[in-house]
Amino acid sequence: MTTMDDLARVHTGWIIWRSDVGRWWATRRGAVDLEALRRGCAMTLDADDPESLAAELAAQESLITAPVKAGFTPA
């Protein structure tokens, strides 16, 4: 089972918390530029459980590190 400490240790660029209704949230510690937003990066994520949030955070990491392709426009 993934814990909040596990998520915070791996994803240091995010503030992670669990709401009082049980949803898991993460918000970036810094700004996201326009190009990153166009690539699908989000400022805040939410999920039903810590494992789902971990998967969303990993997907965000791959968006940040992916090379930019000329003329790329996400759907």
PDB file of N, CA and C in Angstrom:
ATOM      1  N   MET A   1       0.834  -1.190   0.000  1.00  0.00           N
ATOM      2  CA  MET A   1       0.000   0.000   0.000  1.00  0.00           C
ATOM      3  C   MET A   1       0.876   1.249   0.000  1.00  0.00           C
ATOM      4  N   THR A   2       0.522   2.198  -0.829  1.00  0.00           N
ATOM      5  CA  THR A   2       1.229   3.465  -0.927  1.00  0.00           C
ATOM      6  C   THR A   2       0.724   4.408   0.159  1.00  0.00           C
ATOM      7  N   THR A   3       1.637   5.067   0.850  1.00  0.00           N
ATOM      8  CA  THR A   3       1.255   6.019   1.899  1.00  0.00           C
ATOM      9  C   THR A   3       1.513   7.445   1.435  1.00  0.00           C
ATOM     10  N   MET A   4       1.001   8.393   2.180  1.00  0.00           N
ATOM     11  CA  MET A   4       1.245   9.795   1.881  1.00  0.00           C
ATOM     12  C   MET A   4       2.741  10.102   1.948  1.00  0.00           C
ATOM     13  N   ASP A   5       3.432   9.522   2.925  1.00  0.00           N
ATOM     14  CA  ASP A   5       4.881   9.722   3.035  1.00  0.00           C
ATOM     15  C   ASP A   5       5.609   9.176   1.811  1.00  0.00           C
ATOM     16  N   ASP A   6       5.166   8.022   1.302  1.00  0.00           N
ATOM     17  CA  ASP A   6       5.765   7.459   0.088  1.00  0.00           C
ATOM     18  C   ASP A   6       5.609   8.428  -1.078  1.00  0.00           C
ATOM     19  N   LEU A   7       4.402   8.939  -1.262  1.00  0.00           N
ATOM     20  CA  LEU A   7       4.141   9.869  -2.357  1.00  0.00           C
ATOM     21  C   LEU A   7       4.976  11.139  -2.214  1.00  0.00           C
ATOM     22  N   ALA A   8       5.018  11.692  -1.020  1.00  0.00           N
ATOM     23  CA  ALA A   8       5.774  12.930  -0.788  1.00  0.00           C
ATOM     24  C   ALA A   8       7.268  12.724  -0.995  1.00  0.00           C
ATOM     25  N   ARG A   9       7.775  11.575  -0.640  1.00  0.00           N
ATOM     26  CA  ARG A   9       9.213  11.282  -0.791  1.00  0.00           C
ATOM     27  C   ARG A   9       9.596  11.181  -2.270  1.00  0.00           C
ATOM     28  N   VAL A  10       8.730  10.596  -3.072  1.00  0.00           N
ATOM     29  CA  VAL A  10       9.027  10.386  -4.496  1.00  0.00           C
ATOM     30  C   VAL A  10       8.718  11.637  -5.326  1.00  0.00           C
ATOM     31  N   HIS A  11       7.655  12.342  -4.977  1.00  0.00           N
ATOM     32  CA  HIS A  11       7.174  13.474  -5.781  1.00  0.00           C
ATOM     33  C   HIS A  11       7.374  14.776  -5.000  1.00  0.00           C
ATOM     34  N   THR A  12       8.634  15.180  -4.886  1.00  0.00           N
ATOM     35  CA  THR A  12       8.984  16.330  -4.049  1.00  0.00           C
ATOM     36  C   THR A  12       8.490  17.664  -4.591  1.00  0.00           C
ATOM     37  N   GLY A  13       8.143  17.723  -5.853  1.00  0.00           N
ATOM     38  CA  GLY A  13       7.644  18.957  -6.450  1.00  0.00           C
ATOM     39  C   GLY A  13       6.155  19.173  -6.244  1.00  0.00           C
ATOM     40  N   TRP A  14       5.544  18.315  -5.442  1.00  0.00           N
ATOM     41  CA  TRP A  14       4.103  18.368  -5.215  1.00  0.00           C
ATOM     42  C   TRP A  14       3.792  18.427  -3.721  1.00  0.00           C
ATOM     43  N   ILE A  15       2.701  19.106  -3.383  1.00  0.00           N
ATOM     44  CA  ILE A  15       2.135  19.065  -2.032  1.00  0.00           C
ATOM     45  C   ILE A  15       1.000  18.046  -2.093  1.00  0.00           C
ATOM     46  N   ILE A  16       1.032  17.067  -1.221  1.00  0.00           N
ATOM     47  CA  ILE A  16       0.079  15.956  -1.282  1.00  0.00           C
ATOM     48  C   ILE A  16      -0.732  15.921   0.011  1.00  0.00           C
ATOM     49  N   TRP A  17      -2.031  15.711  -0.120  1.00  0.00           N
ATOM     50  CA  TRP A  17      -2.890  15.615   1.051  1.00  0.00           C
ATOM     51  C   TRP A  17      -4.109  14.761   0.752  1.00  0.00           C
ATOM     52  N   ARG A  18      -4.780  14.381   1.818  1.00  0.00           N
ATOM     53  CA  ARG A  18      -6.031  13.638   1.718  1.00  0.00           C
ATOM     54  C   ARG A  18      -7.133  14.506   2.310  1.00  0.00           C
ATOM     55  N   SER A  19      -8.196  14.672   1.542  1.00  0.00           N
ATOM     56  CA  SER A  19      -9.291  15.531   2.006  1.00  0.00           C
ATOM     57  C   SER A  19     -10.089  14.840   3.106  1.00  0.00           C
ATOM     58  N   ASP A  20     -10.925  15.612   3.765  1.00  0.00           N
ATOM     59  CA  ASP A  20     -11.732  15.046   4.846  1.00  0.00           C
ATOM     60  C   ASP A  20     -12.839  14.122   4.338  1.00  0.00           C
ATOM     61  N   VAL A  21     -13.053  14.084   3.021  1.00  0.00           N
ATOM     62  CA  VAL A  21     -14.008  13.127   2.444  1.00  0.00           C
ATOM     63  C   VAL A  21     -13.294  11.935   1.817  1.00  0.00           C
ATOM     64  N   GLY A  22     -11.962  11.870   1.984  1.00  0.00           N
ATOM     65  CA  GLY A  22     -11.213  10.697   1.569  1.00  0.00           C
ATOM     66  C   GLY A  22     -10.556  10.732   0.205  1.00  0.00           C
ATOM     67  N   ARG A  23     -10.697  11.842  -0.550  1.00  0.00           N
ATOM     68  CA  ARG A  23     -10.015  11.933  -1.853  1.00  0.00           C
ATOM     69  C   ARG A  23      -8.567  12.327  -1.637  1.00  0.00           C
ATOM     70  N   TRP A  24      -7.721  11.858  -2.543  1.00  0.00           N
ATOM     71  CA  TRP A  24      -6.291  12.153  -2.504  1.00  0.00           C
ATOM     72  C   TRP A  24      -5.994  13.248  -3.511  1.00  0.00           C
ATOM     73  N   TRP A  25      -5.190  14.237  -3.096  1.00  0.00           N
ATOM     74  CA  TRP A  25      -4.906  15.414  -3.909  1.00  0.00           C
ATOM     75  C   TRP A  25      -3.405  15.675  -3.962  1.00  0.00           C
ATOM     76  N   ALA A  26      -2.996  16.343  -5.047  1.00  0.00           N
ATOM     77  CA  ALA A  26      -1.625  16.823  -5.176  1.00  0.00           C
ATOM     78  C   ALA A  26      -1.660  18.124  -5.963  1.00  0.00           C
ATOM     79  N   THR A  27      -0.922  19.103  -5.520  1.00  0.00           N
ATOM     80  CA  THR A  27      -0.797  20.356  -6.255  1.00  0.00           C
ATOM     81  C   THR A  27       0.680  20.701  -6.380  1.00  0.00           C
ATOM     82  N   ARG A  28       1.051  21.240  -7.508  1.00  0.00           N
ATOM     83  CA  ARG A  28       2.463  21.565  -7.767  1.00  0.00           C
ATOM     84  C   ARG A  28       2.961  22.652  -6.836  1.00  0.00           C
ATOM     85  N   ARG A  29       4.218  22.571  -6.499  1.00  0.00           N
ATOM     86  CA  ARG A  29       4.852  23.586  -5.663  1.00  0.00           C
ATOM     87  C   ARG A  29       5.230  24.837  -6.458  1.00  0.00           C
ATOM     88  N   GLY A  30       5.327  24.716  -7.768  1.00  0.00           N
ATOM     89  CA  GLY A  30       5.696  25.855  -8.603  1.00  0.00           C
ATOM     90  C   GLY A  30       4.714  26.031  -9.741  1.00  0.00           C
ATOM     91  N   ALA A  31       4.969  27.041 -10.532  1.00  0.00           N
ATOM     92  CA  ALA A  31       4.092  27.338 -11.658  1.00  0.00           C
ATOM     93  C   ALA A  31       4.325  26.372 -12.817  1.00  0.00           C
ATOM     94  N   VAL A  32       3.329  26.247 -13.638  1.00  0.00           N
ATOM     95  CA  VAL A  32       3.420  25.466 -14.864  1.00  0.00           C
ATOM     96  C   VAL A  32       3.321  26.461 -16.014  1.00  0.00           C
ATOM     97  N   ASP A  33       4.298  26.424 -16.924  1.00  0.00           N
ATOM     98  CA  ASP A  33       4.258  27.385 -18.027  1.00  0.00           C
ATOM     99  C   ASP A  33       3.220  26.974 -19.072  1.00  0.00           C
ATOM    100  N   LEU A  34       2.941  27.888 -19.983  1.00  0.00           N
ATOM    101  CA  LEU A  34       1.902  27.675 -20.978  1.00  0.00           C
ATOM    102  C   LEU A  34       2.185  26.453 -21.840  1.00  0.00           C
ATOM    103  N   GLU A  35       3.426  26.249 -22.227  1.00  0.00           N
ATOM    104  CA  GLU A  35       3.779  25.089 -23.050  1.00  0.00           C
ATOM    105  C   GLU A  35       3.477  23.782 -22.308  1.00  0.00           C
ATOM    106  N   ALA A  36       3.792  23.749 -21.019  1.00  0.00           N
ATOM    107  CA  ALA A  36       3.503  22.558 -20.222  1.00  0.00           C
ATOM    108  C   ALA A  36       1.996  22.315 -20.127  1.00  0.00           C
ATOM    109  N   LEU A  37       1.229  23.372 -19.962  1.00  0.00           N
ATOM    110  CA  LEU A  37      -0.236  23.232 -19.934  1.00  0.00           C
ATOM    111  C   LEU A  37      -0.753  22.679 -21.255  1.00  0.00           C
ATOM    112  N   ARG A  38      -0.177  23.141 -22.335  1.00  0.00           N
ATOM    113  CA  ARG A  38      -0.591  22.639 -23.662  1.00  0.00           C
ATOM    114  C   ARG A  38      -0.259  21.156 -23.821  1.00  0.00           C
ATOM    115  N   ARG A  39       0.768  20.702 -23.152  1.00  0.00           N
ATOM    116  CA  ARG A  39       1.157  19.291 -23.229  1.00  0.00           C
ATOM    117  C   ARG A  39       0.305  18.414 -22.320  1.00  0.00           C
ATOM    118  N   GLY A  40      -0.552  19.032 -21.503  1.00  0.00           N
ATOM    119  CA  GLY A  40      -1.432  18.262 -20.633  1.00  0.00           C
ATOM    120  C   GLY A  40      -1.051  18.285 -19.164  1.00  0.00           C
ATOM    121  N   CYS A  41      -0.050  19.091 -18.808  1.00  0.00           N
ATOM    122  CA  CYS A  41       0.338  19.186 -17.401  1.00  0.00           C
ATOM    123  C   CYS A  41      -0.745  19.900 -16.609  1.00  0.00           C
ATOM    124  N   ALA A  42      -0.918  19.489 -15.379  1.00  0.00           N
ATOM    125  CA  ALA A  42      -1.939  20.059 -14.507  1.00  0.00           C
ATOM    126  C   ALA A  42      -1.281  20.669 -13.275  1.00  0.00           C
ATOM    127  N   MET A  43      -1.931  21.663 -12.716  1.00  0.00           N
ATOM    128  CA  MET A  43      -1.466  22.236 -11.459  1.00  0.00           C
ATOM    129  C   MET A  43      -1.907  21.390 -10.275  1.00  0.00           C
ATOM    130  N   THR A  44      -3.091  20.803 -10.375  1.00  0.00           N
ATOM    131  CA  THR A  44      -3.660  20.022  -9.276  1.00  0.00           C
ATOM    132  C   THR A  44      -4.262  18.738  -9.823  1.00  0.00           C
ATOM    133  N   LEU A  45      -4.068  17.659  -9.079  1.00  0.00           N
ATOM    134  CA  LEU A  45      -4.600  16.343  -9.442  1.00  0.00           C
ATOM    135  C   LEU A  45      -5.418  15.806  -8.282  1.00  0.00           C
ATOM    136  N   ASP A  46      -6.364  14.933  -8.579  1.00  0.00           N
ATOM    137  CA  ASP A  46      -7.069  14.226  -7.507  1.00  0.00           C
ATOM    138  C   ASP A  46      -7.331  12.799  -7.944  1.00  0.00           C
ATOM    139  N   ALA A  47      -7.515  11.934  -6.956  1.00  0.00           N
ATOM    140  CA  ALA A  47      -7.720  10.507  -7.215  1.00  0.00           C
ATOM    141  C   ALA A  47      -8.474   9.883  -6.049  1.00  0.00           C
ATOM    142  N   ASP A  48      -8.980   8.677  -6.305  1.00  0.00           N
ATOM    143  CA  ASP A  48      -9.736   7.950  -5.286  1.00  0.00           C
ATOM    144  C   ASP A  48      -8.863   7.349  -4.196  1.00  0.00           C
ATOM    145  N   ASP A  49      -7.614   7.018  -4.552  1.00  0.00           N
ATOM    146  CA  ASP A  49      -6.744   6.331  -3.606  1.00  0.00           C
ATOM    147  C   ASP A  49      -5.284   6.699  -3.905  1.00  0.00           C
ATOM    148  N   PRO A  50      -4.379   6.382  -2.998  1.00  0.00           N
ATOM    149  CA  PRO A  50      -2.984   6.792  -3.186  1.00  0.00           C
ATOM    150  C   PRO A  50      -2.314   6.136  -4.395  1.00  0.00           C
ATOM    151  N   GLU A  51      -2.685   4.919  -4.708  1.00  0.00           N
ATOM    152  CA  GLU A  51      -2.091   4.249  -5.877  1.00  0.00           C
ATOM    153  C   GLU A  51      -2.494   4.957  -7.169  1.00  0.00           C
ATOM    154  N   SER A  52      -3.748   5.366  -7.253  1.00  0.00           N
ATOM    155  CA  SER A  52      -4.215   6.094  -8.440  1.00  0.00           C
ATOM    156  C   SER A  52      -3.537   7.454  -8.540  1.00  0.00           C
ATOM    157  N   LEU A  53      -3.360   8.111  -7.405  1.00  0.00           N
ATOM    158  CA  LEU A  53      -2.669   9.402  -7.414  1.00  0.00           C
ATOM    159  C   LEU A  53      -1.212   9.217  -7.832  1.00  0.00           C
ATOM    160  N   ALA A  54      -0.572   8.164  -7.368  1.00  0.00           N
ATOM    161  CA  ALA A  54       0.805   7.880  -7.764  1.00  0.00           C
ATOM    162  C   ALA A  54       0.903   7.698  -9.278  1.00  0.00           C
ATOM    163  N   ALA A  55      -0.069   7.016  -9.861  1.00  0.00           N
ATOM    164  CA  ALA A  55      -0.075   6.814 -11.316  1.00  0.00           C
ATOM    165  C   ALA A  55      -0.255   8.141 -12.050  1.00  0.00           C
ATOM    166  N   GLU A  56      -1.136   8.986 -11.544  1.00  0.00           N
ATOM    167  CA  GLU A  56      -1.340  10.295 -12.173  1.00  0.00           C
ATOM    168  C   GLU A  56      -0.093  11.163 -12.052  1.00  0.00           C
ATOM    169  N   LEU A  57       0.561  11.116 -10.904  1.00  0.00           N
ATOM    170  CA  LEU A  57       1.793  11.880 -10.720  1.00  0.00           C
ATOM    171  C   LEU A  57       2.889  11.389 -11.666  1.00  0.00           C
ATOM    172  N   ALA A  58       2.998  10.099 -11.838  1.00  0.00           N
ATOM    173  CA  ALA A  58       3.990   9.534 -12.767  1.00  0.00           C
ATOM    174  C   ALA A  58       3.682   9.978 -14.193  1.00  0.00           C
ATOM    175  N   ALA A  59       2.410  10.005 -14.565  1.00  0.00           N
ATOM    176  CA  ALA A  59       2.030  10.456 -15.903  1.00  0.00           C
ATOM    177  C   ALA A  59       2.392  11.924 -16.098  1.00  0.00           C
ATOM    178  N   GLN A  60       2.202  12.727 -15.066  1.00  0.00           N
ATOM    179  CA  GLN A  60       2.581  14.138 -15.153  1.00  0.00           C
ATOM    180  C   GLN A  60       4.092  14.289 -15.332  1.00  0.00           C
ATOM    181  N   GLU A  61       4.842  13.470 -14.647  1.00  0.00           N
ATOM    182  CA  GLU A  61       6.299  13.510 -14.766  1.00  0.00           C
ATOM    183  C   GLU A  61       6.727  13.198 -16.198  1.00  0.00           C
ATOM    184  N   SER A  62       6.072  12.233 -16.822  1.00  0.00           N
ATOM    185  CA  SER A  62       6.433  11.887 -18.202  1.00  0.00           C
ATOM    186  C   SER A  62       6.079  13.023 -19.158  1.00  0.00           C
ATOM    187  N   LEU A  63       5.030  13.789 -18.866  1.00  0.00           N
ATOM    188  CA  LEU A  63       4.688  14.938 -19.706  1.00  0.00           C
ATOM    189  C   LEU A  63       5.744  16.031 -19.615  1.00  0.00           C
ATOM    190  N   ILE A  64       6.265  16.234 -18.418  1.00  0.00           N
ATOM    191  CA  ILE A  64       7.280  17.268 -18.209  1.00  0.00           C
ATOM    192  C   ILE A  64       8.581  16.894 -18.902  1.00  0.00           C
ATOM    193  N   THR A  65       8.949  15.628 -18.872  1.00  0.00           N
ATOM    194  CA  THR A  65      10.241  15.208 -19.407  1.00  0.00           C
ATOM    195  C   THR A  65      10.189  14.823 -20.882  1.00  0.00           C
ATOM    196  N   ALA A  66       8.995  14.756 -21.467  1.00  0.00           N
ATOM    197  CA  ALA A  66       8.880  14.382 -22.883  1.00  0.00           C
ATOM    198  C   ALA A  66       9.415  15.506 -23.761  1.00  0.00           C
ATOM    199  N   PRO A  67      10.118  15.154 -24.843  1.00  0.00           N
ATOM    200  CA  PRO A  67      10.599  16.191 -25.743  1.00  0.00           C
ATOM    201  C   PRO A  67       9.439  16.888 -26.437  1.00  0.00           C
ATOM    202  N   VAL A  68       9.597  18.173 -26.670  1.00  0.00           N
ATOM    203  CA  VAL A  68       8.565  18.949 -27.350  1.00  0.00           C
ATOM    204  C   VAL A  68       8.710  18.736 -28.846  1.00  0.00           C
ATOM    205  N   LYS A  69       7.604  18.414 -29.489  1.00  0.00           N
ATOM    206  CA  LYS A  69       7.592  18.235 -30.936  1.00  0.00           C
ATOM    207  C   LYS A  69       7.012  19.489 -31.581  1.00  0.00           C
ATOM    208  N   ALA A  70       7.640  19.957 -32.633  1.00  0.00           N
ATOM    209  CA  ALA A  70       7.153  21.146 -33.334  1.00  0.00           C
ATOM    210  C   ALA A  70       5.730  20.911 -33.812  1.00  0.00           C
ATOM    211  N   GLY A  71       4.873  21.897 -33.561  1.00  0.00           N
ATOM    212  CA  GLY A  71       3.500  21.816 -34.002  1.00  0.00           C
ATOM    213  C   GLY A  71       2.617  20.899 -33.186  1.00  0.00           C
ATOM    214  N   PHE A  72       3.128  20.393 -32.046  1.00  0.00           N
ATOM    215  CA  PHE A  72       2.355  19.483 -31.206  1.00  0.00           C
ATOM    216  C   PHE A  72       1.232  20.223 -30.516  1.00  0.00           C
ATOM    217  N   THR A  73       0.022  19.711 -30.666  1.00  0.00           N
ATOM    218  CA  THR A  73      -1.132  20.237 -29.962  1.00  0.00           C
ATOM    219  C   THR A  73      -1.905  19.076 -29.400  1.00  0.00           C
ATOM    220  N   PRO A  74      -1.975  18.958 -28.050  1.00  0.00           N
ATOM    221  CA  PRO A  74      -2.712  17.831 -27.456  1.00  0.00           C
ATOM    222  C   PRO A  74      -4.197  17.936 -27.742  1.00  0.00           C
ATOM    223  N   ALA A  75      -4.860  16.806 -27.734  1.00  0.00           N
ATOM    224  CA  ALA A  75      -6.312  16.762 -27.972  1.00  0.00           C
ATOM    225  C   ALA A  75      -7.063  17.311 -26.793  1.00  0.00           C
TER     226      ALA A  75
END
